[in-house]
Amino acid sequence: MTDKTNLNKPDTIYSSPKESLARFSFNKEVVDVFPDMINRSVPGYASIIDGIGKIAKQHCADKPVVYDLGCSLGSVSLSIAKQTFSKSPYIIGIDNSAAMIEKCSQHINAFNYGHCIELQQGDLINAELKSCDLVVINFTLQFVEPTLRQSVINKVYKHLKPGGMLILSEKVKHENGEIDDFLIDLHHNFKRENGYSDLEISQKRSALEDVMKLDTIETHKARLNTAGFNALTIWYQQFNFLSLIAIK
């Protein structure tokens, strides 16, 4: 079914010089341009969304319980719902932004499989999970206070059924400074190719500086191992953006 909501507004938030930069937040201004922002900012985003749906289709048995933690406008939830529709999934999308939840509700209602999805406003730290088959945290953990990230992963592991899966997508930093700088340059060139100016790149990076704290791949793997996940691998990576799967 055709999406009836306006999700095509261009991202021009940082296109003009700002005397003072507010901390980045998922407010109404960002929500209104979010699809354009994320597709022009995250290499391979559409492939990751599509891939998550296909992974869910292969992994999940009938009537799976799925959590999309940090669901934003519902792209992950809709991809899973589309791919697993015949299995009667129950998908719970959780996001701490009221503006996101409001727009997400409009978005998912435009699809005939959107009724599989229930939305809740809340954060990863306090969200109460039930026994589940699949959890997706798609470019969300990086916005959680670093000292609280282990507790989030521990909670996910605790509530996953044996054989359940976590899909974790994150922007990462590299332990080697030279490699890290190289990957950052590749990412910035990607954004330039998608129409962002150097001013936009610089101002957004400054706005995100105290909001998005990146981990290394090694840190993510160690955190997953600490929680109890021993079977894990990277299934997608482009530049300094990647997605992992971990099985309980």
Protein backbone atom coordinates (compact mmCIF):
# COMPACT_ATOMS: atom_id res chain seq x y z
CA MET A 1 0.00 0.00 0.00
CA THR A 2 1.24 3.49 -0.76
CA ASP A 3 2.57 5.52 2.16
CA LYS A 4 0.04 8.31 2.75
CA THR A 5 2.23 10.35 5.09
CA ASN A 6 4.62 13.10 4.06
CA LEU A 7 8.04 11.55 4.60
CA ASN A 8 9.84 13.35 1.78
CA LYS A 9 10.69 16.68 3.42
CA PRO A 10 14.36 17.54 2.67
CA ASP A 11 16.85 17.87 5.50
CA THR A 12 18.10 21.47 5.61
CA ILE A 13 18.45 21.76 9.40
CA TYR A 14 22.16 22.60 9.35
CA SER A 15 22.32 24.31 5.95
CA SER A 16 22.64 27.84 7.40
CA PRO A 17 25.30 29.01 9.87
CA LYS A 18 24.13 28.85 13.49
CA GLU A 19 25.57 31.13 16.17
CA SER A 20 24.96 28.49 18.83
CA LEU A 21 24.35 24.82 18.17
CA ALA A 22 21.82 23.04 20.34
CA ARG A 23 22.47 19.43 21.28
CA PHE A 24 21.04 17.10 18.68
CA SER A 25 17.70 15.59 19.68
CA PHE A 26 14.93 13.69 17.95
CA ASN A 27 12.50 16.60 18.17
CA LYS A 28 9.76 17.52 15.69
CA GLU A 29 12.22 19.39 13.44
CA VAL A 30 14.35 16.25 13.07
CA VAL A 31 11.38 13.90 12.82
CA ASP A 32 9.96 15.93 9.92
CA VAL A 33 13.11 15.36 7.84
CA PHE A 34 14.26 12.06 9.34
CA PRO A 35 13.86 9.78 6.29
CA ASP A 36 15.89 12.15 4.12
CA MET A 37 18.44 12.69 6.88
CA ILE A 38 19.11 9.04 7.61
CA ASN A 39 19.20 7.88 3.99
CA ARG A 40 21.69 10.62 3.08
CA SER A 41 23.75 10.07 6.25
CA VAL A 42 23.94 6.30 6.82
CA PRO A 43 25.68 4.26 4.10
CA GLY A 44 23.64 1.20 3.17
CA TYR A 45 20.67 2.13 5.35
CA ALA A 46 18.07 0.82 2.91
CA SER A 47 20.03 -2.44 2.52
CA ILE A 48 20.19 -2.87 6.29
CA ILE A 49 16.44 -2.33 6.66
CA ASP A 50 15.69 -4.81 3.89
CA GLY A 51 18.22 -7.29 5.27
CA ILE A 52 16.72 -7.16 8.76
CA GLY A 53 13.35 -8.12 7.32
CA LYS A 54 14.87 -11.05 5.44
CA ILE A 55 16.81 -12.19 8.52
CA ALA A 56 13.58 -12.10 10.53
CA LYS A 57 11.80 -14.15 7.87
CA GLN A 58 14.47 -16.85 8.01
CA HIS A 59 14.91 -16.79 11.79
CA CYS A 60 11.38 -16.54 13.13
CA ALA A 61 8.91 -19.39 13.52
CA ASP A 62 5.15 -18.85 13.65
CA LYS A 63 3.75 -16.09 15.90
CA PRO A 64 7.09 -14.54 16.82
CA VAL A 65 7.33 -11.77 19.40
CA VAL A 66 9.65 -9.05 18.12
CA TYR A 67 10.97 -5.85 19.69
CA ASP A 68 12.17 -2.86 17.68
CA LEU A 69 13.96 -0.78 20.31
CA GLY A 70 14.39 2.77 19.06
CA CYS A 71 11.86 2.25 16.29
CA SER A 72 11.95 5.86 14.96
CA LEU A 73 9.47 5.99 12.04
CA GLY A 74 8.99 2.23 11.91
CA SER A 75 11.13 1.20 8.94
CA VAL A 76 12.54 -1.86 10.73
CA SER A 77 9.15 -2.88 12.15
CA LEU A 78 7.51 -2.56 8.73
CA SER A 79 10.28 -4.54 7.01
CA ILE A 80 9.85 -7.36 9.54
CA ALA A 81 6.06 -7.19 9.34
CA LYS A 82 6.17 -7.40 5.54
CA GLN A 83 8.57 -10.35 5.47
CA THR A 84 6.95 -12.33 8.30
CA PHE A 85 3.30 -11.40 7.71
CA SER A 86 2.29 -15.00 6.99
CA LYS A 87 3.73 -16.02 10.38
CA SER A 88 1.43 -13.67 12.33
CA PRO A 89 4.15 -11.63 14.09
CA TYR A 90 3.59 -9.44 17.14
CA ILE A 91 5.99 -6.51 16.81
CA ILE A 92 6.47 -3.94 19.57
CA GLY A 93 8.14 -0.70 18.51
CA ILE A 94 9.50 1.46 21.33
CA ASP A 95 10.92 4.98 21.03
CA ASN A 96 11.52 7.71 23.62
CA SER A 97 10.60 10.56 21.24
CA ALA A 98 6.93 11.54 21.37
CA ALA A 99 7.27 13.20 17.96
CA MET A 100 8.68 9.98 16.50
CA ILE A 101 5.90 7.83 17.94
CA GLU A 102 3.22 10.20 16.62
CA LYS A 103 4.64 10.22 13.08
CA CYS A 104 5.43 6.49 13.22
CA SER A 105 1.80 5.73 14.06
CA GLN A 106 0.68 7.60 10.95
CA HIS A 107 3.33 5.85 8.88
CA ILE A 108 2.60 2.25 9.83
CA ASN A 109 -1.15 2.77 9.43
CA ALA A 110 -0.54 3.39 5.72
CA PHE A 111 0.42 -0.26 5.22
CA ASN A 112 -1.92 -3.25 5.24
CA TYR A 113 0.53 -5.19 7.44
CA GLY A 114 0.99 -2.31 9.89
CA HIS A 115 -1.60 -3.77 12.27
CA CYS A 116 1.05 -6.31 13.37
CA ILE A 117 2.89 -3.45 15.08
CA GLU A 118 2.18 -1.97 18.52
CA LEU A 119 3.90 1.29 19.46
CA GLN A 120 5.03 2.38 22.92
CA GLN A 121 6.78 5.53 24.06
CA GLY A 122 9.70 4.74 26.36
CA ASP A 123 13.45 4.38 26.51
CA LEU A 124 15.76 1.38 26.26
CA ILE A 125 16.79 1.65 29.89
CA ASN A 126 13.33 1.36 31.45
CA ALA A 127 11.48 -0.61 28.78
CA GLU A 128 9.87 -3.75 30.18
CA LEU A 129 10.30 -6.67 27.81
CA LYS A 130 8.42 -9.96 27.65
CA SER A 131 9.77 -13.27 26.39
CA CYS A 132 10.64 -12.74 22.73
CA ASP A 133 12.15 -14.30 19.62
CA LEU A 134 13.92 -11.31 18.06
CA VAL A 135 15.14 -7.91 19.23
CA VAL A 136 16.42 -5.20 16.91
CA ILE A 137 18.39 -2.17 18.12
CA ASN A 138 19.04 -0.23 14.94
CA PHE A 139 21.41 2.75 15.36
CA THR A 140 19.99 3.46 18.82
CA LEU A 141 22.39 2.11 21.45
CA GLN A 142 24.92 4.77 20.39
CA PHE A 143 22.58 7.40 21.91
CA VAL A 144 22.38 5.61 25.28
CA GLU A 145 24.71 6.70 28.10
CA PRO A 146 27.75 4.40 27.70
CA THR A 147 27.69 3.23 31.33
CA LEU A 148 24.11 1.96 30.83
CA ARG A 149 24.64 0.05 27.58
CA GLN A 150 25.66 -3.23 29.21
CA SER A 151 22.44 -3.29 31.23
CA VAL A 152 20.41 -2.84 28.03
CA ILE A 153 22.14 -5.78 26.34
CA ASN A 154 21.84 -7.88 29.52
CA LYS A 155 18.09 -7.21 29.60
CA VAL A 156 17.70 -8.20 25.96
CA TYR A 157 19.62 -11.45 26.54
CA LYS A 158 17.53 -12.25 29.61
CA HIS A 159 14.22 -11.95 27.76
CA LEU A 160 15.21 -13.64 24.51
CA LYS A 161 14.05 -17.23 24.23
CA PRO A 162 16.78 -19.87 23.77
CA GLY A 163 17.82 -19.56 20.14
CA GLY A 164 16.47 -15.99 20.04
CA MET A 165 18.36 -13.34 18.10
CA LEU A 166 19.54 -9.78 18.64
CA ILE A 167 20.28 -7.58 15.61
CA LEU A 168 22.43 -4.61 16.61
CA SER A 169 23.32 -1.86 14.14
CA GLU A 170 25.73 0.91 15.11
CA LYS A 171 28.12 3.53 13.84
CA VAL A 172 31.51 2.56 15.26
CA LYS A 173 34.95 3.99 15.80
CA HIS A 174 38.17 2.13 15.04
CA GLU A 175 40.82 1.46 17.66
CA ASN A 176 43.51 2.53 15.20
CA GLY A 177 43.39 6.32 14.84
CA GLU A 178 44.67 6.34 11.27
CA ILE A 179 42.04 3.83 10.14
CA ASP A 180 39.35 5.70 12.08
CA ASP A 181 40.21 8.98 10.34
CA PHE A 182 40.18 7.22 6.96
CA LEU A 183 36.70 5.76 7.59
CA ILE A 184 35.41 9.14 8.79
CA ASP A 185 36.69 10.77 5.58
CA LEU A 186 34.92 8.09 3.51
CA HIS A 187 31.70 8.78 5.41
CA HIS A 188 31.98 12.53 4.95
CA ASN A 189 32.54 12.04 1.23
CA PHE A 190 29.43 9.86 1.16
CA LYS A 191 27.46 12.72 2.71
CA ARG A 192 28.90 15.23 0.23
CA GLU A 193 27.88 12.97 -2.64
CA ASN A 194 24.37 13.02 -1.18
CA GLY A 195 24.23 16.80 -1.28
CA TYR A 196 25.38 17.85 2.17
CA SER A 197 27.72 20.83 2.34
CA ASP A 198 30.84 20.98 4.50
CA LEU A 199 28.96 23.45 6.72
CA GLU A 200 26.12 20.96 7.25
CA ILE A 201 28.54 18.12 7.97
CA SER A 202 30.51 20.21 10.45
CA GLN A 203 27.52 21.67 12.29
CA LYS A 204 25.73 18.34 12.64
CA ARG A 205 28.91 16.67 13.88
CA SER A 206 29.23 19.37 16.56
CA ALA A 207 25.58 19.01 17.56
CA LEU A 208 26.05 15.23 17.96
CA GLU A 209 29.36 15.45 19.82
CA ASP A 210 27.94 15.10 23.34
CA VAL A 211 24.91 13.03 22.31
CA MET A 212 26.24 10.13 20.25
CA LYS A 213 29.16 8.30 21.86
CA LEU A 214 30.65 5.60 19.63
CA ASP A 215 32.09 2.24 20.65
CA THR A 216 34.61 0.08 18.81
CA ILE A 217 33.60 -3.23 17.26
CA GLU A 218 35.66 -4.94 19.96
CA THR A 219 33.70 -3.16 22.69
CA HIS A 220 30.39 -4.23 21.17
CA LYS A 221 31.51 -7.84 20.90
CA ALA A 222 32.82 -7.86 24.47
CA ARG A 223 29.54 -6.42 25.74
CA LEU A 224 27.57 -9.10 23.88
CA ASN A 225 29.85 -11.82 25.24
CA THR A 226 29.47 -10.47 28.78
CA ALA A 227 25.69 -10.65 28.46
CA GLY A 228 25.95 -14.30 27.41
CA PHE A 229 25.94 -14.15 23.62
CA ASN A 230 28.63 -16.45 22.23
CA ALA A 231 27.39 -16.92 18.67
CA LEU A 232 27.72 -13.57 16.92
CA THR A 233 28.94 -12.08 13.68
CA ILE A 234 28.87 -8.94 11.55
CA TRP A 235 26.42 -9.49 8.70
CA TYR A 236 26.72 -6.03 7.13
CA GLN A 237 29.33 -3.26 7.11
CA GLN A 238 29.99 -0.19 5.00
CA PHE A 239 32.65 2.25 6.12
CA ASN A 240 32.13 2.88 9.87
CA PHE A 241 28.54 1.60 9.94
CA LEU A 242 27.75 -2.03 10.66
CA SER A 243 25.12 -4.49 11.82
CA LEU A 244 25.67 -7.60 13.92
CA ILE A 245 23.59 -10.65 14.73
CA ALA A 246 23.92 -12.46 18.06
CA ILE A 247 22.10 -15.67 19.00
CA LYS A 248 21.23 -16.80 22.51
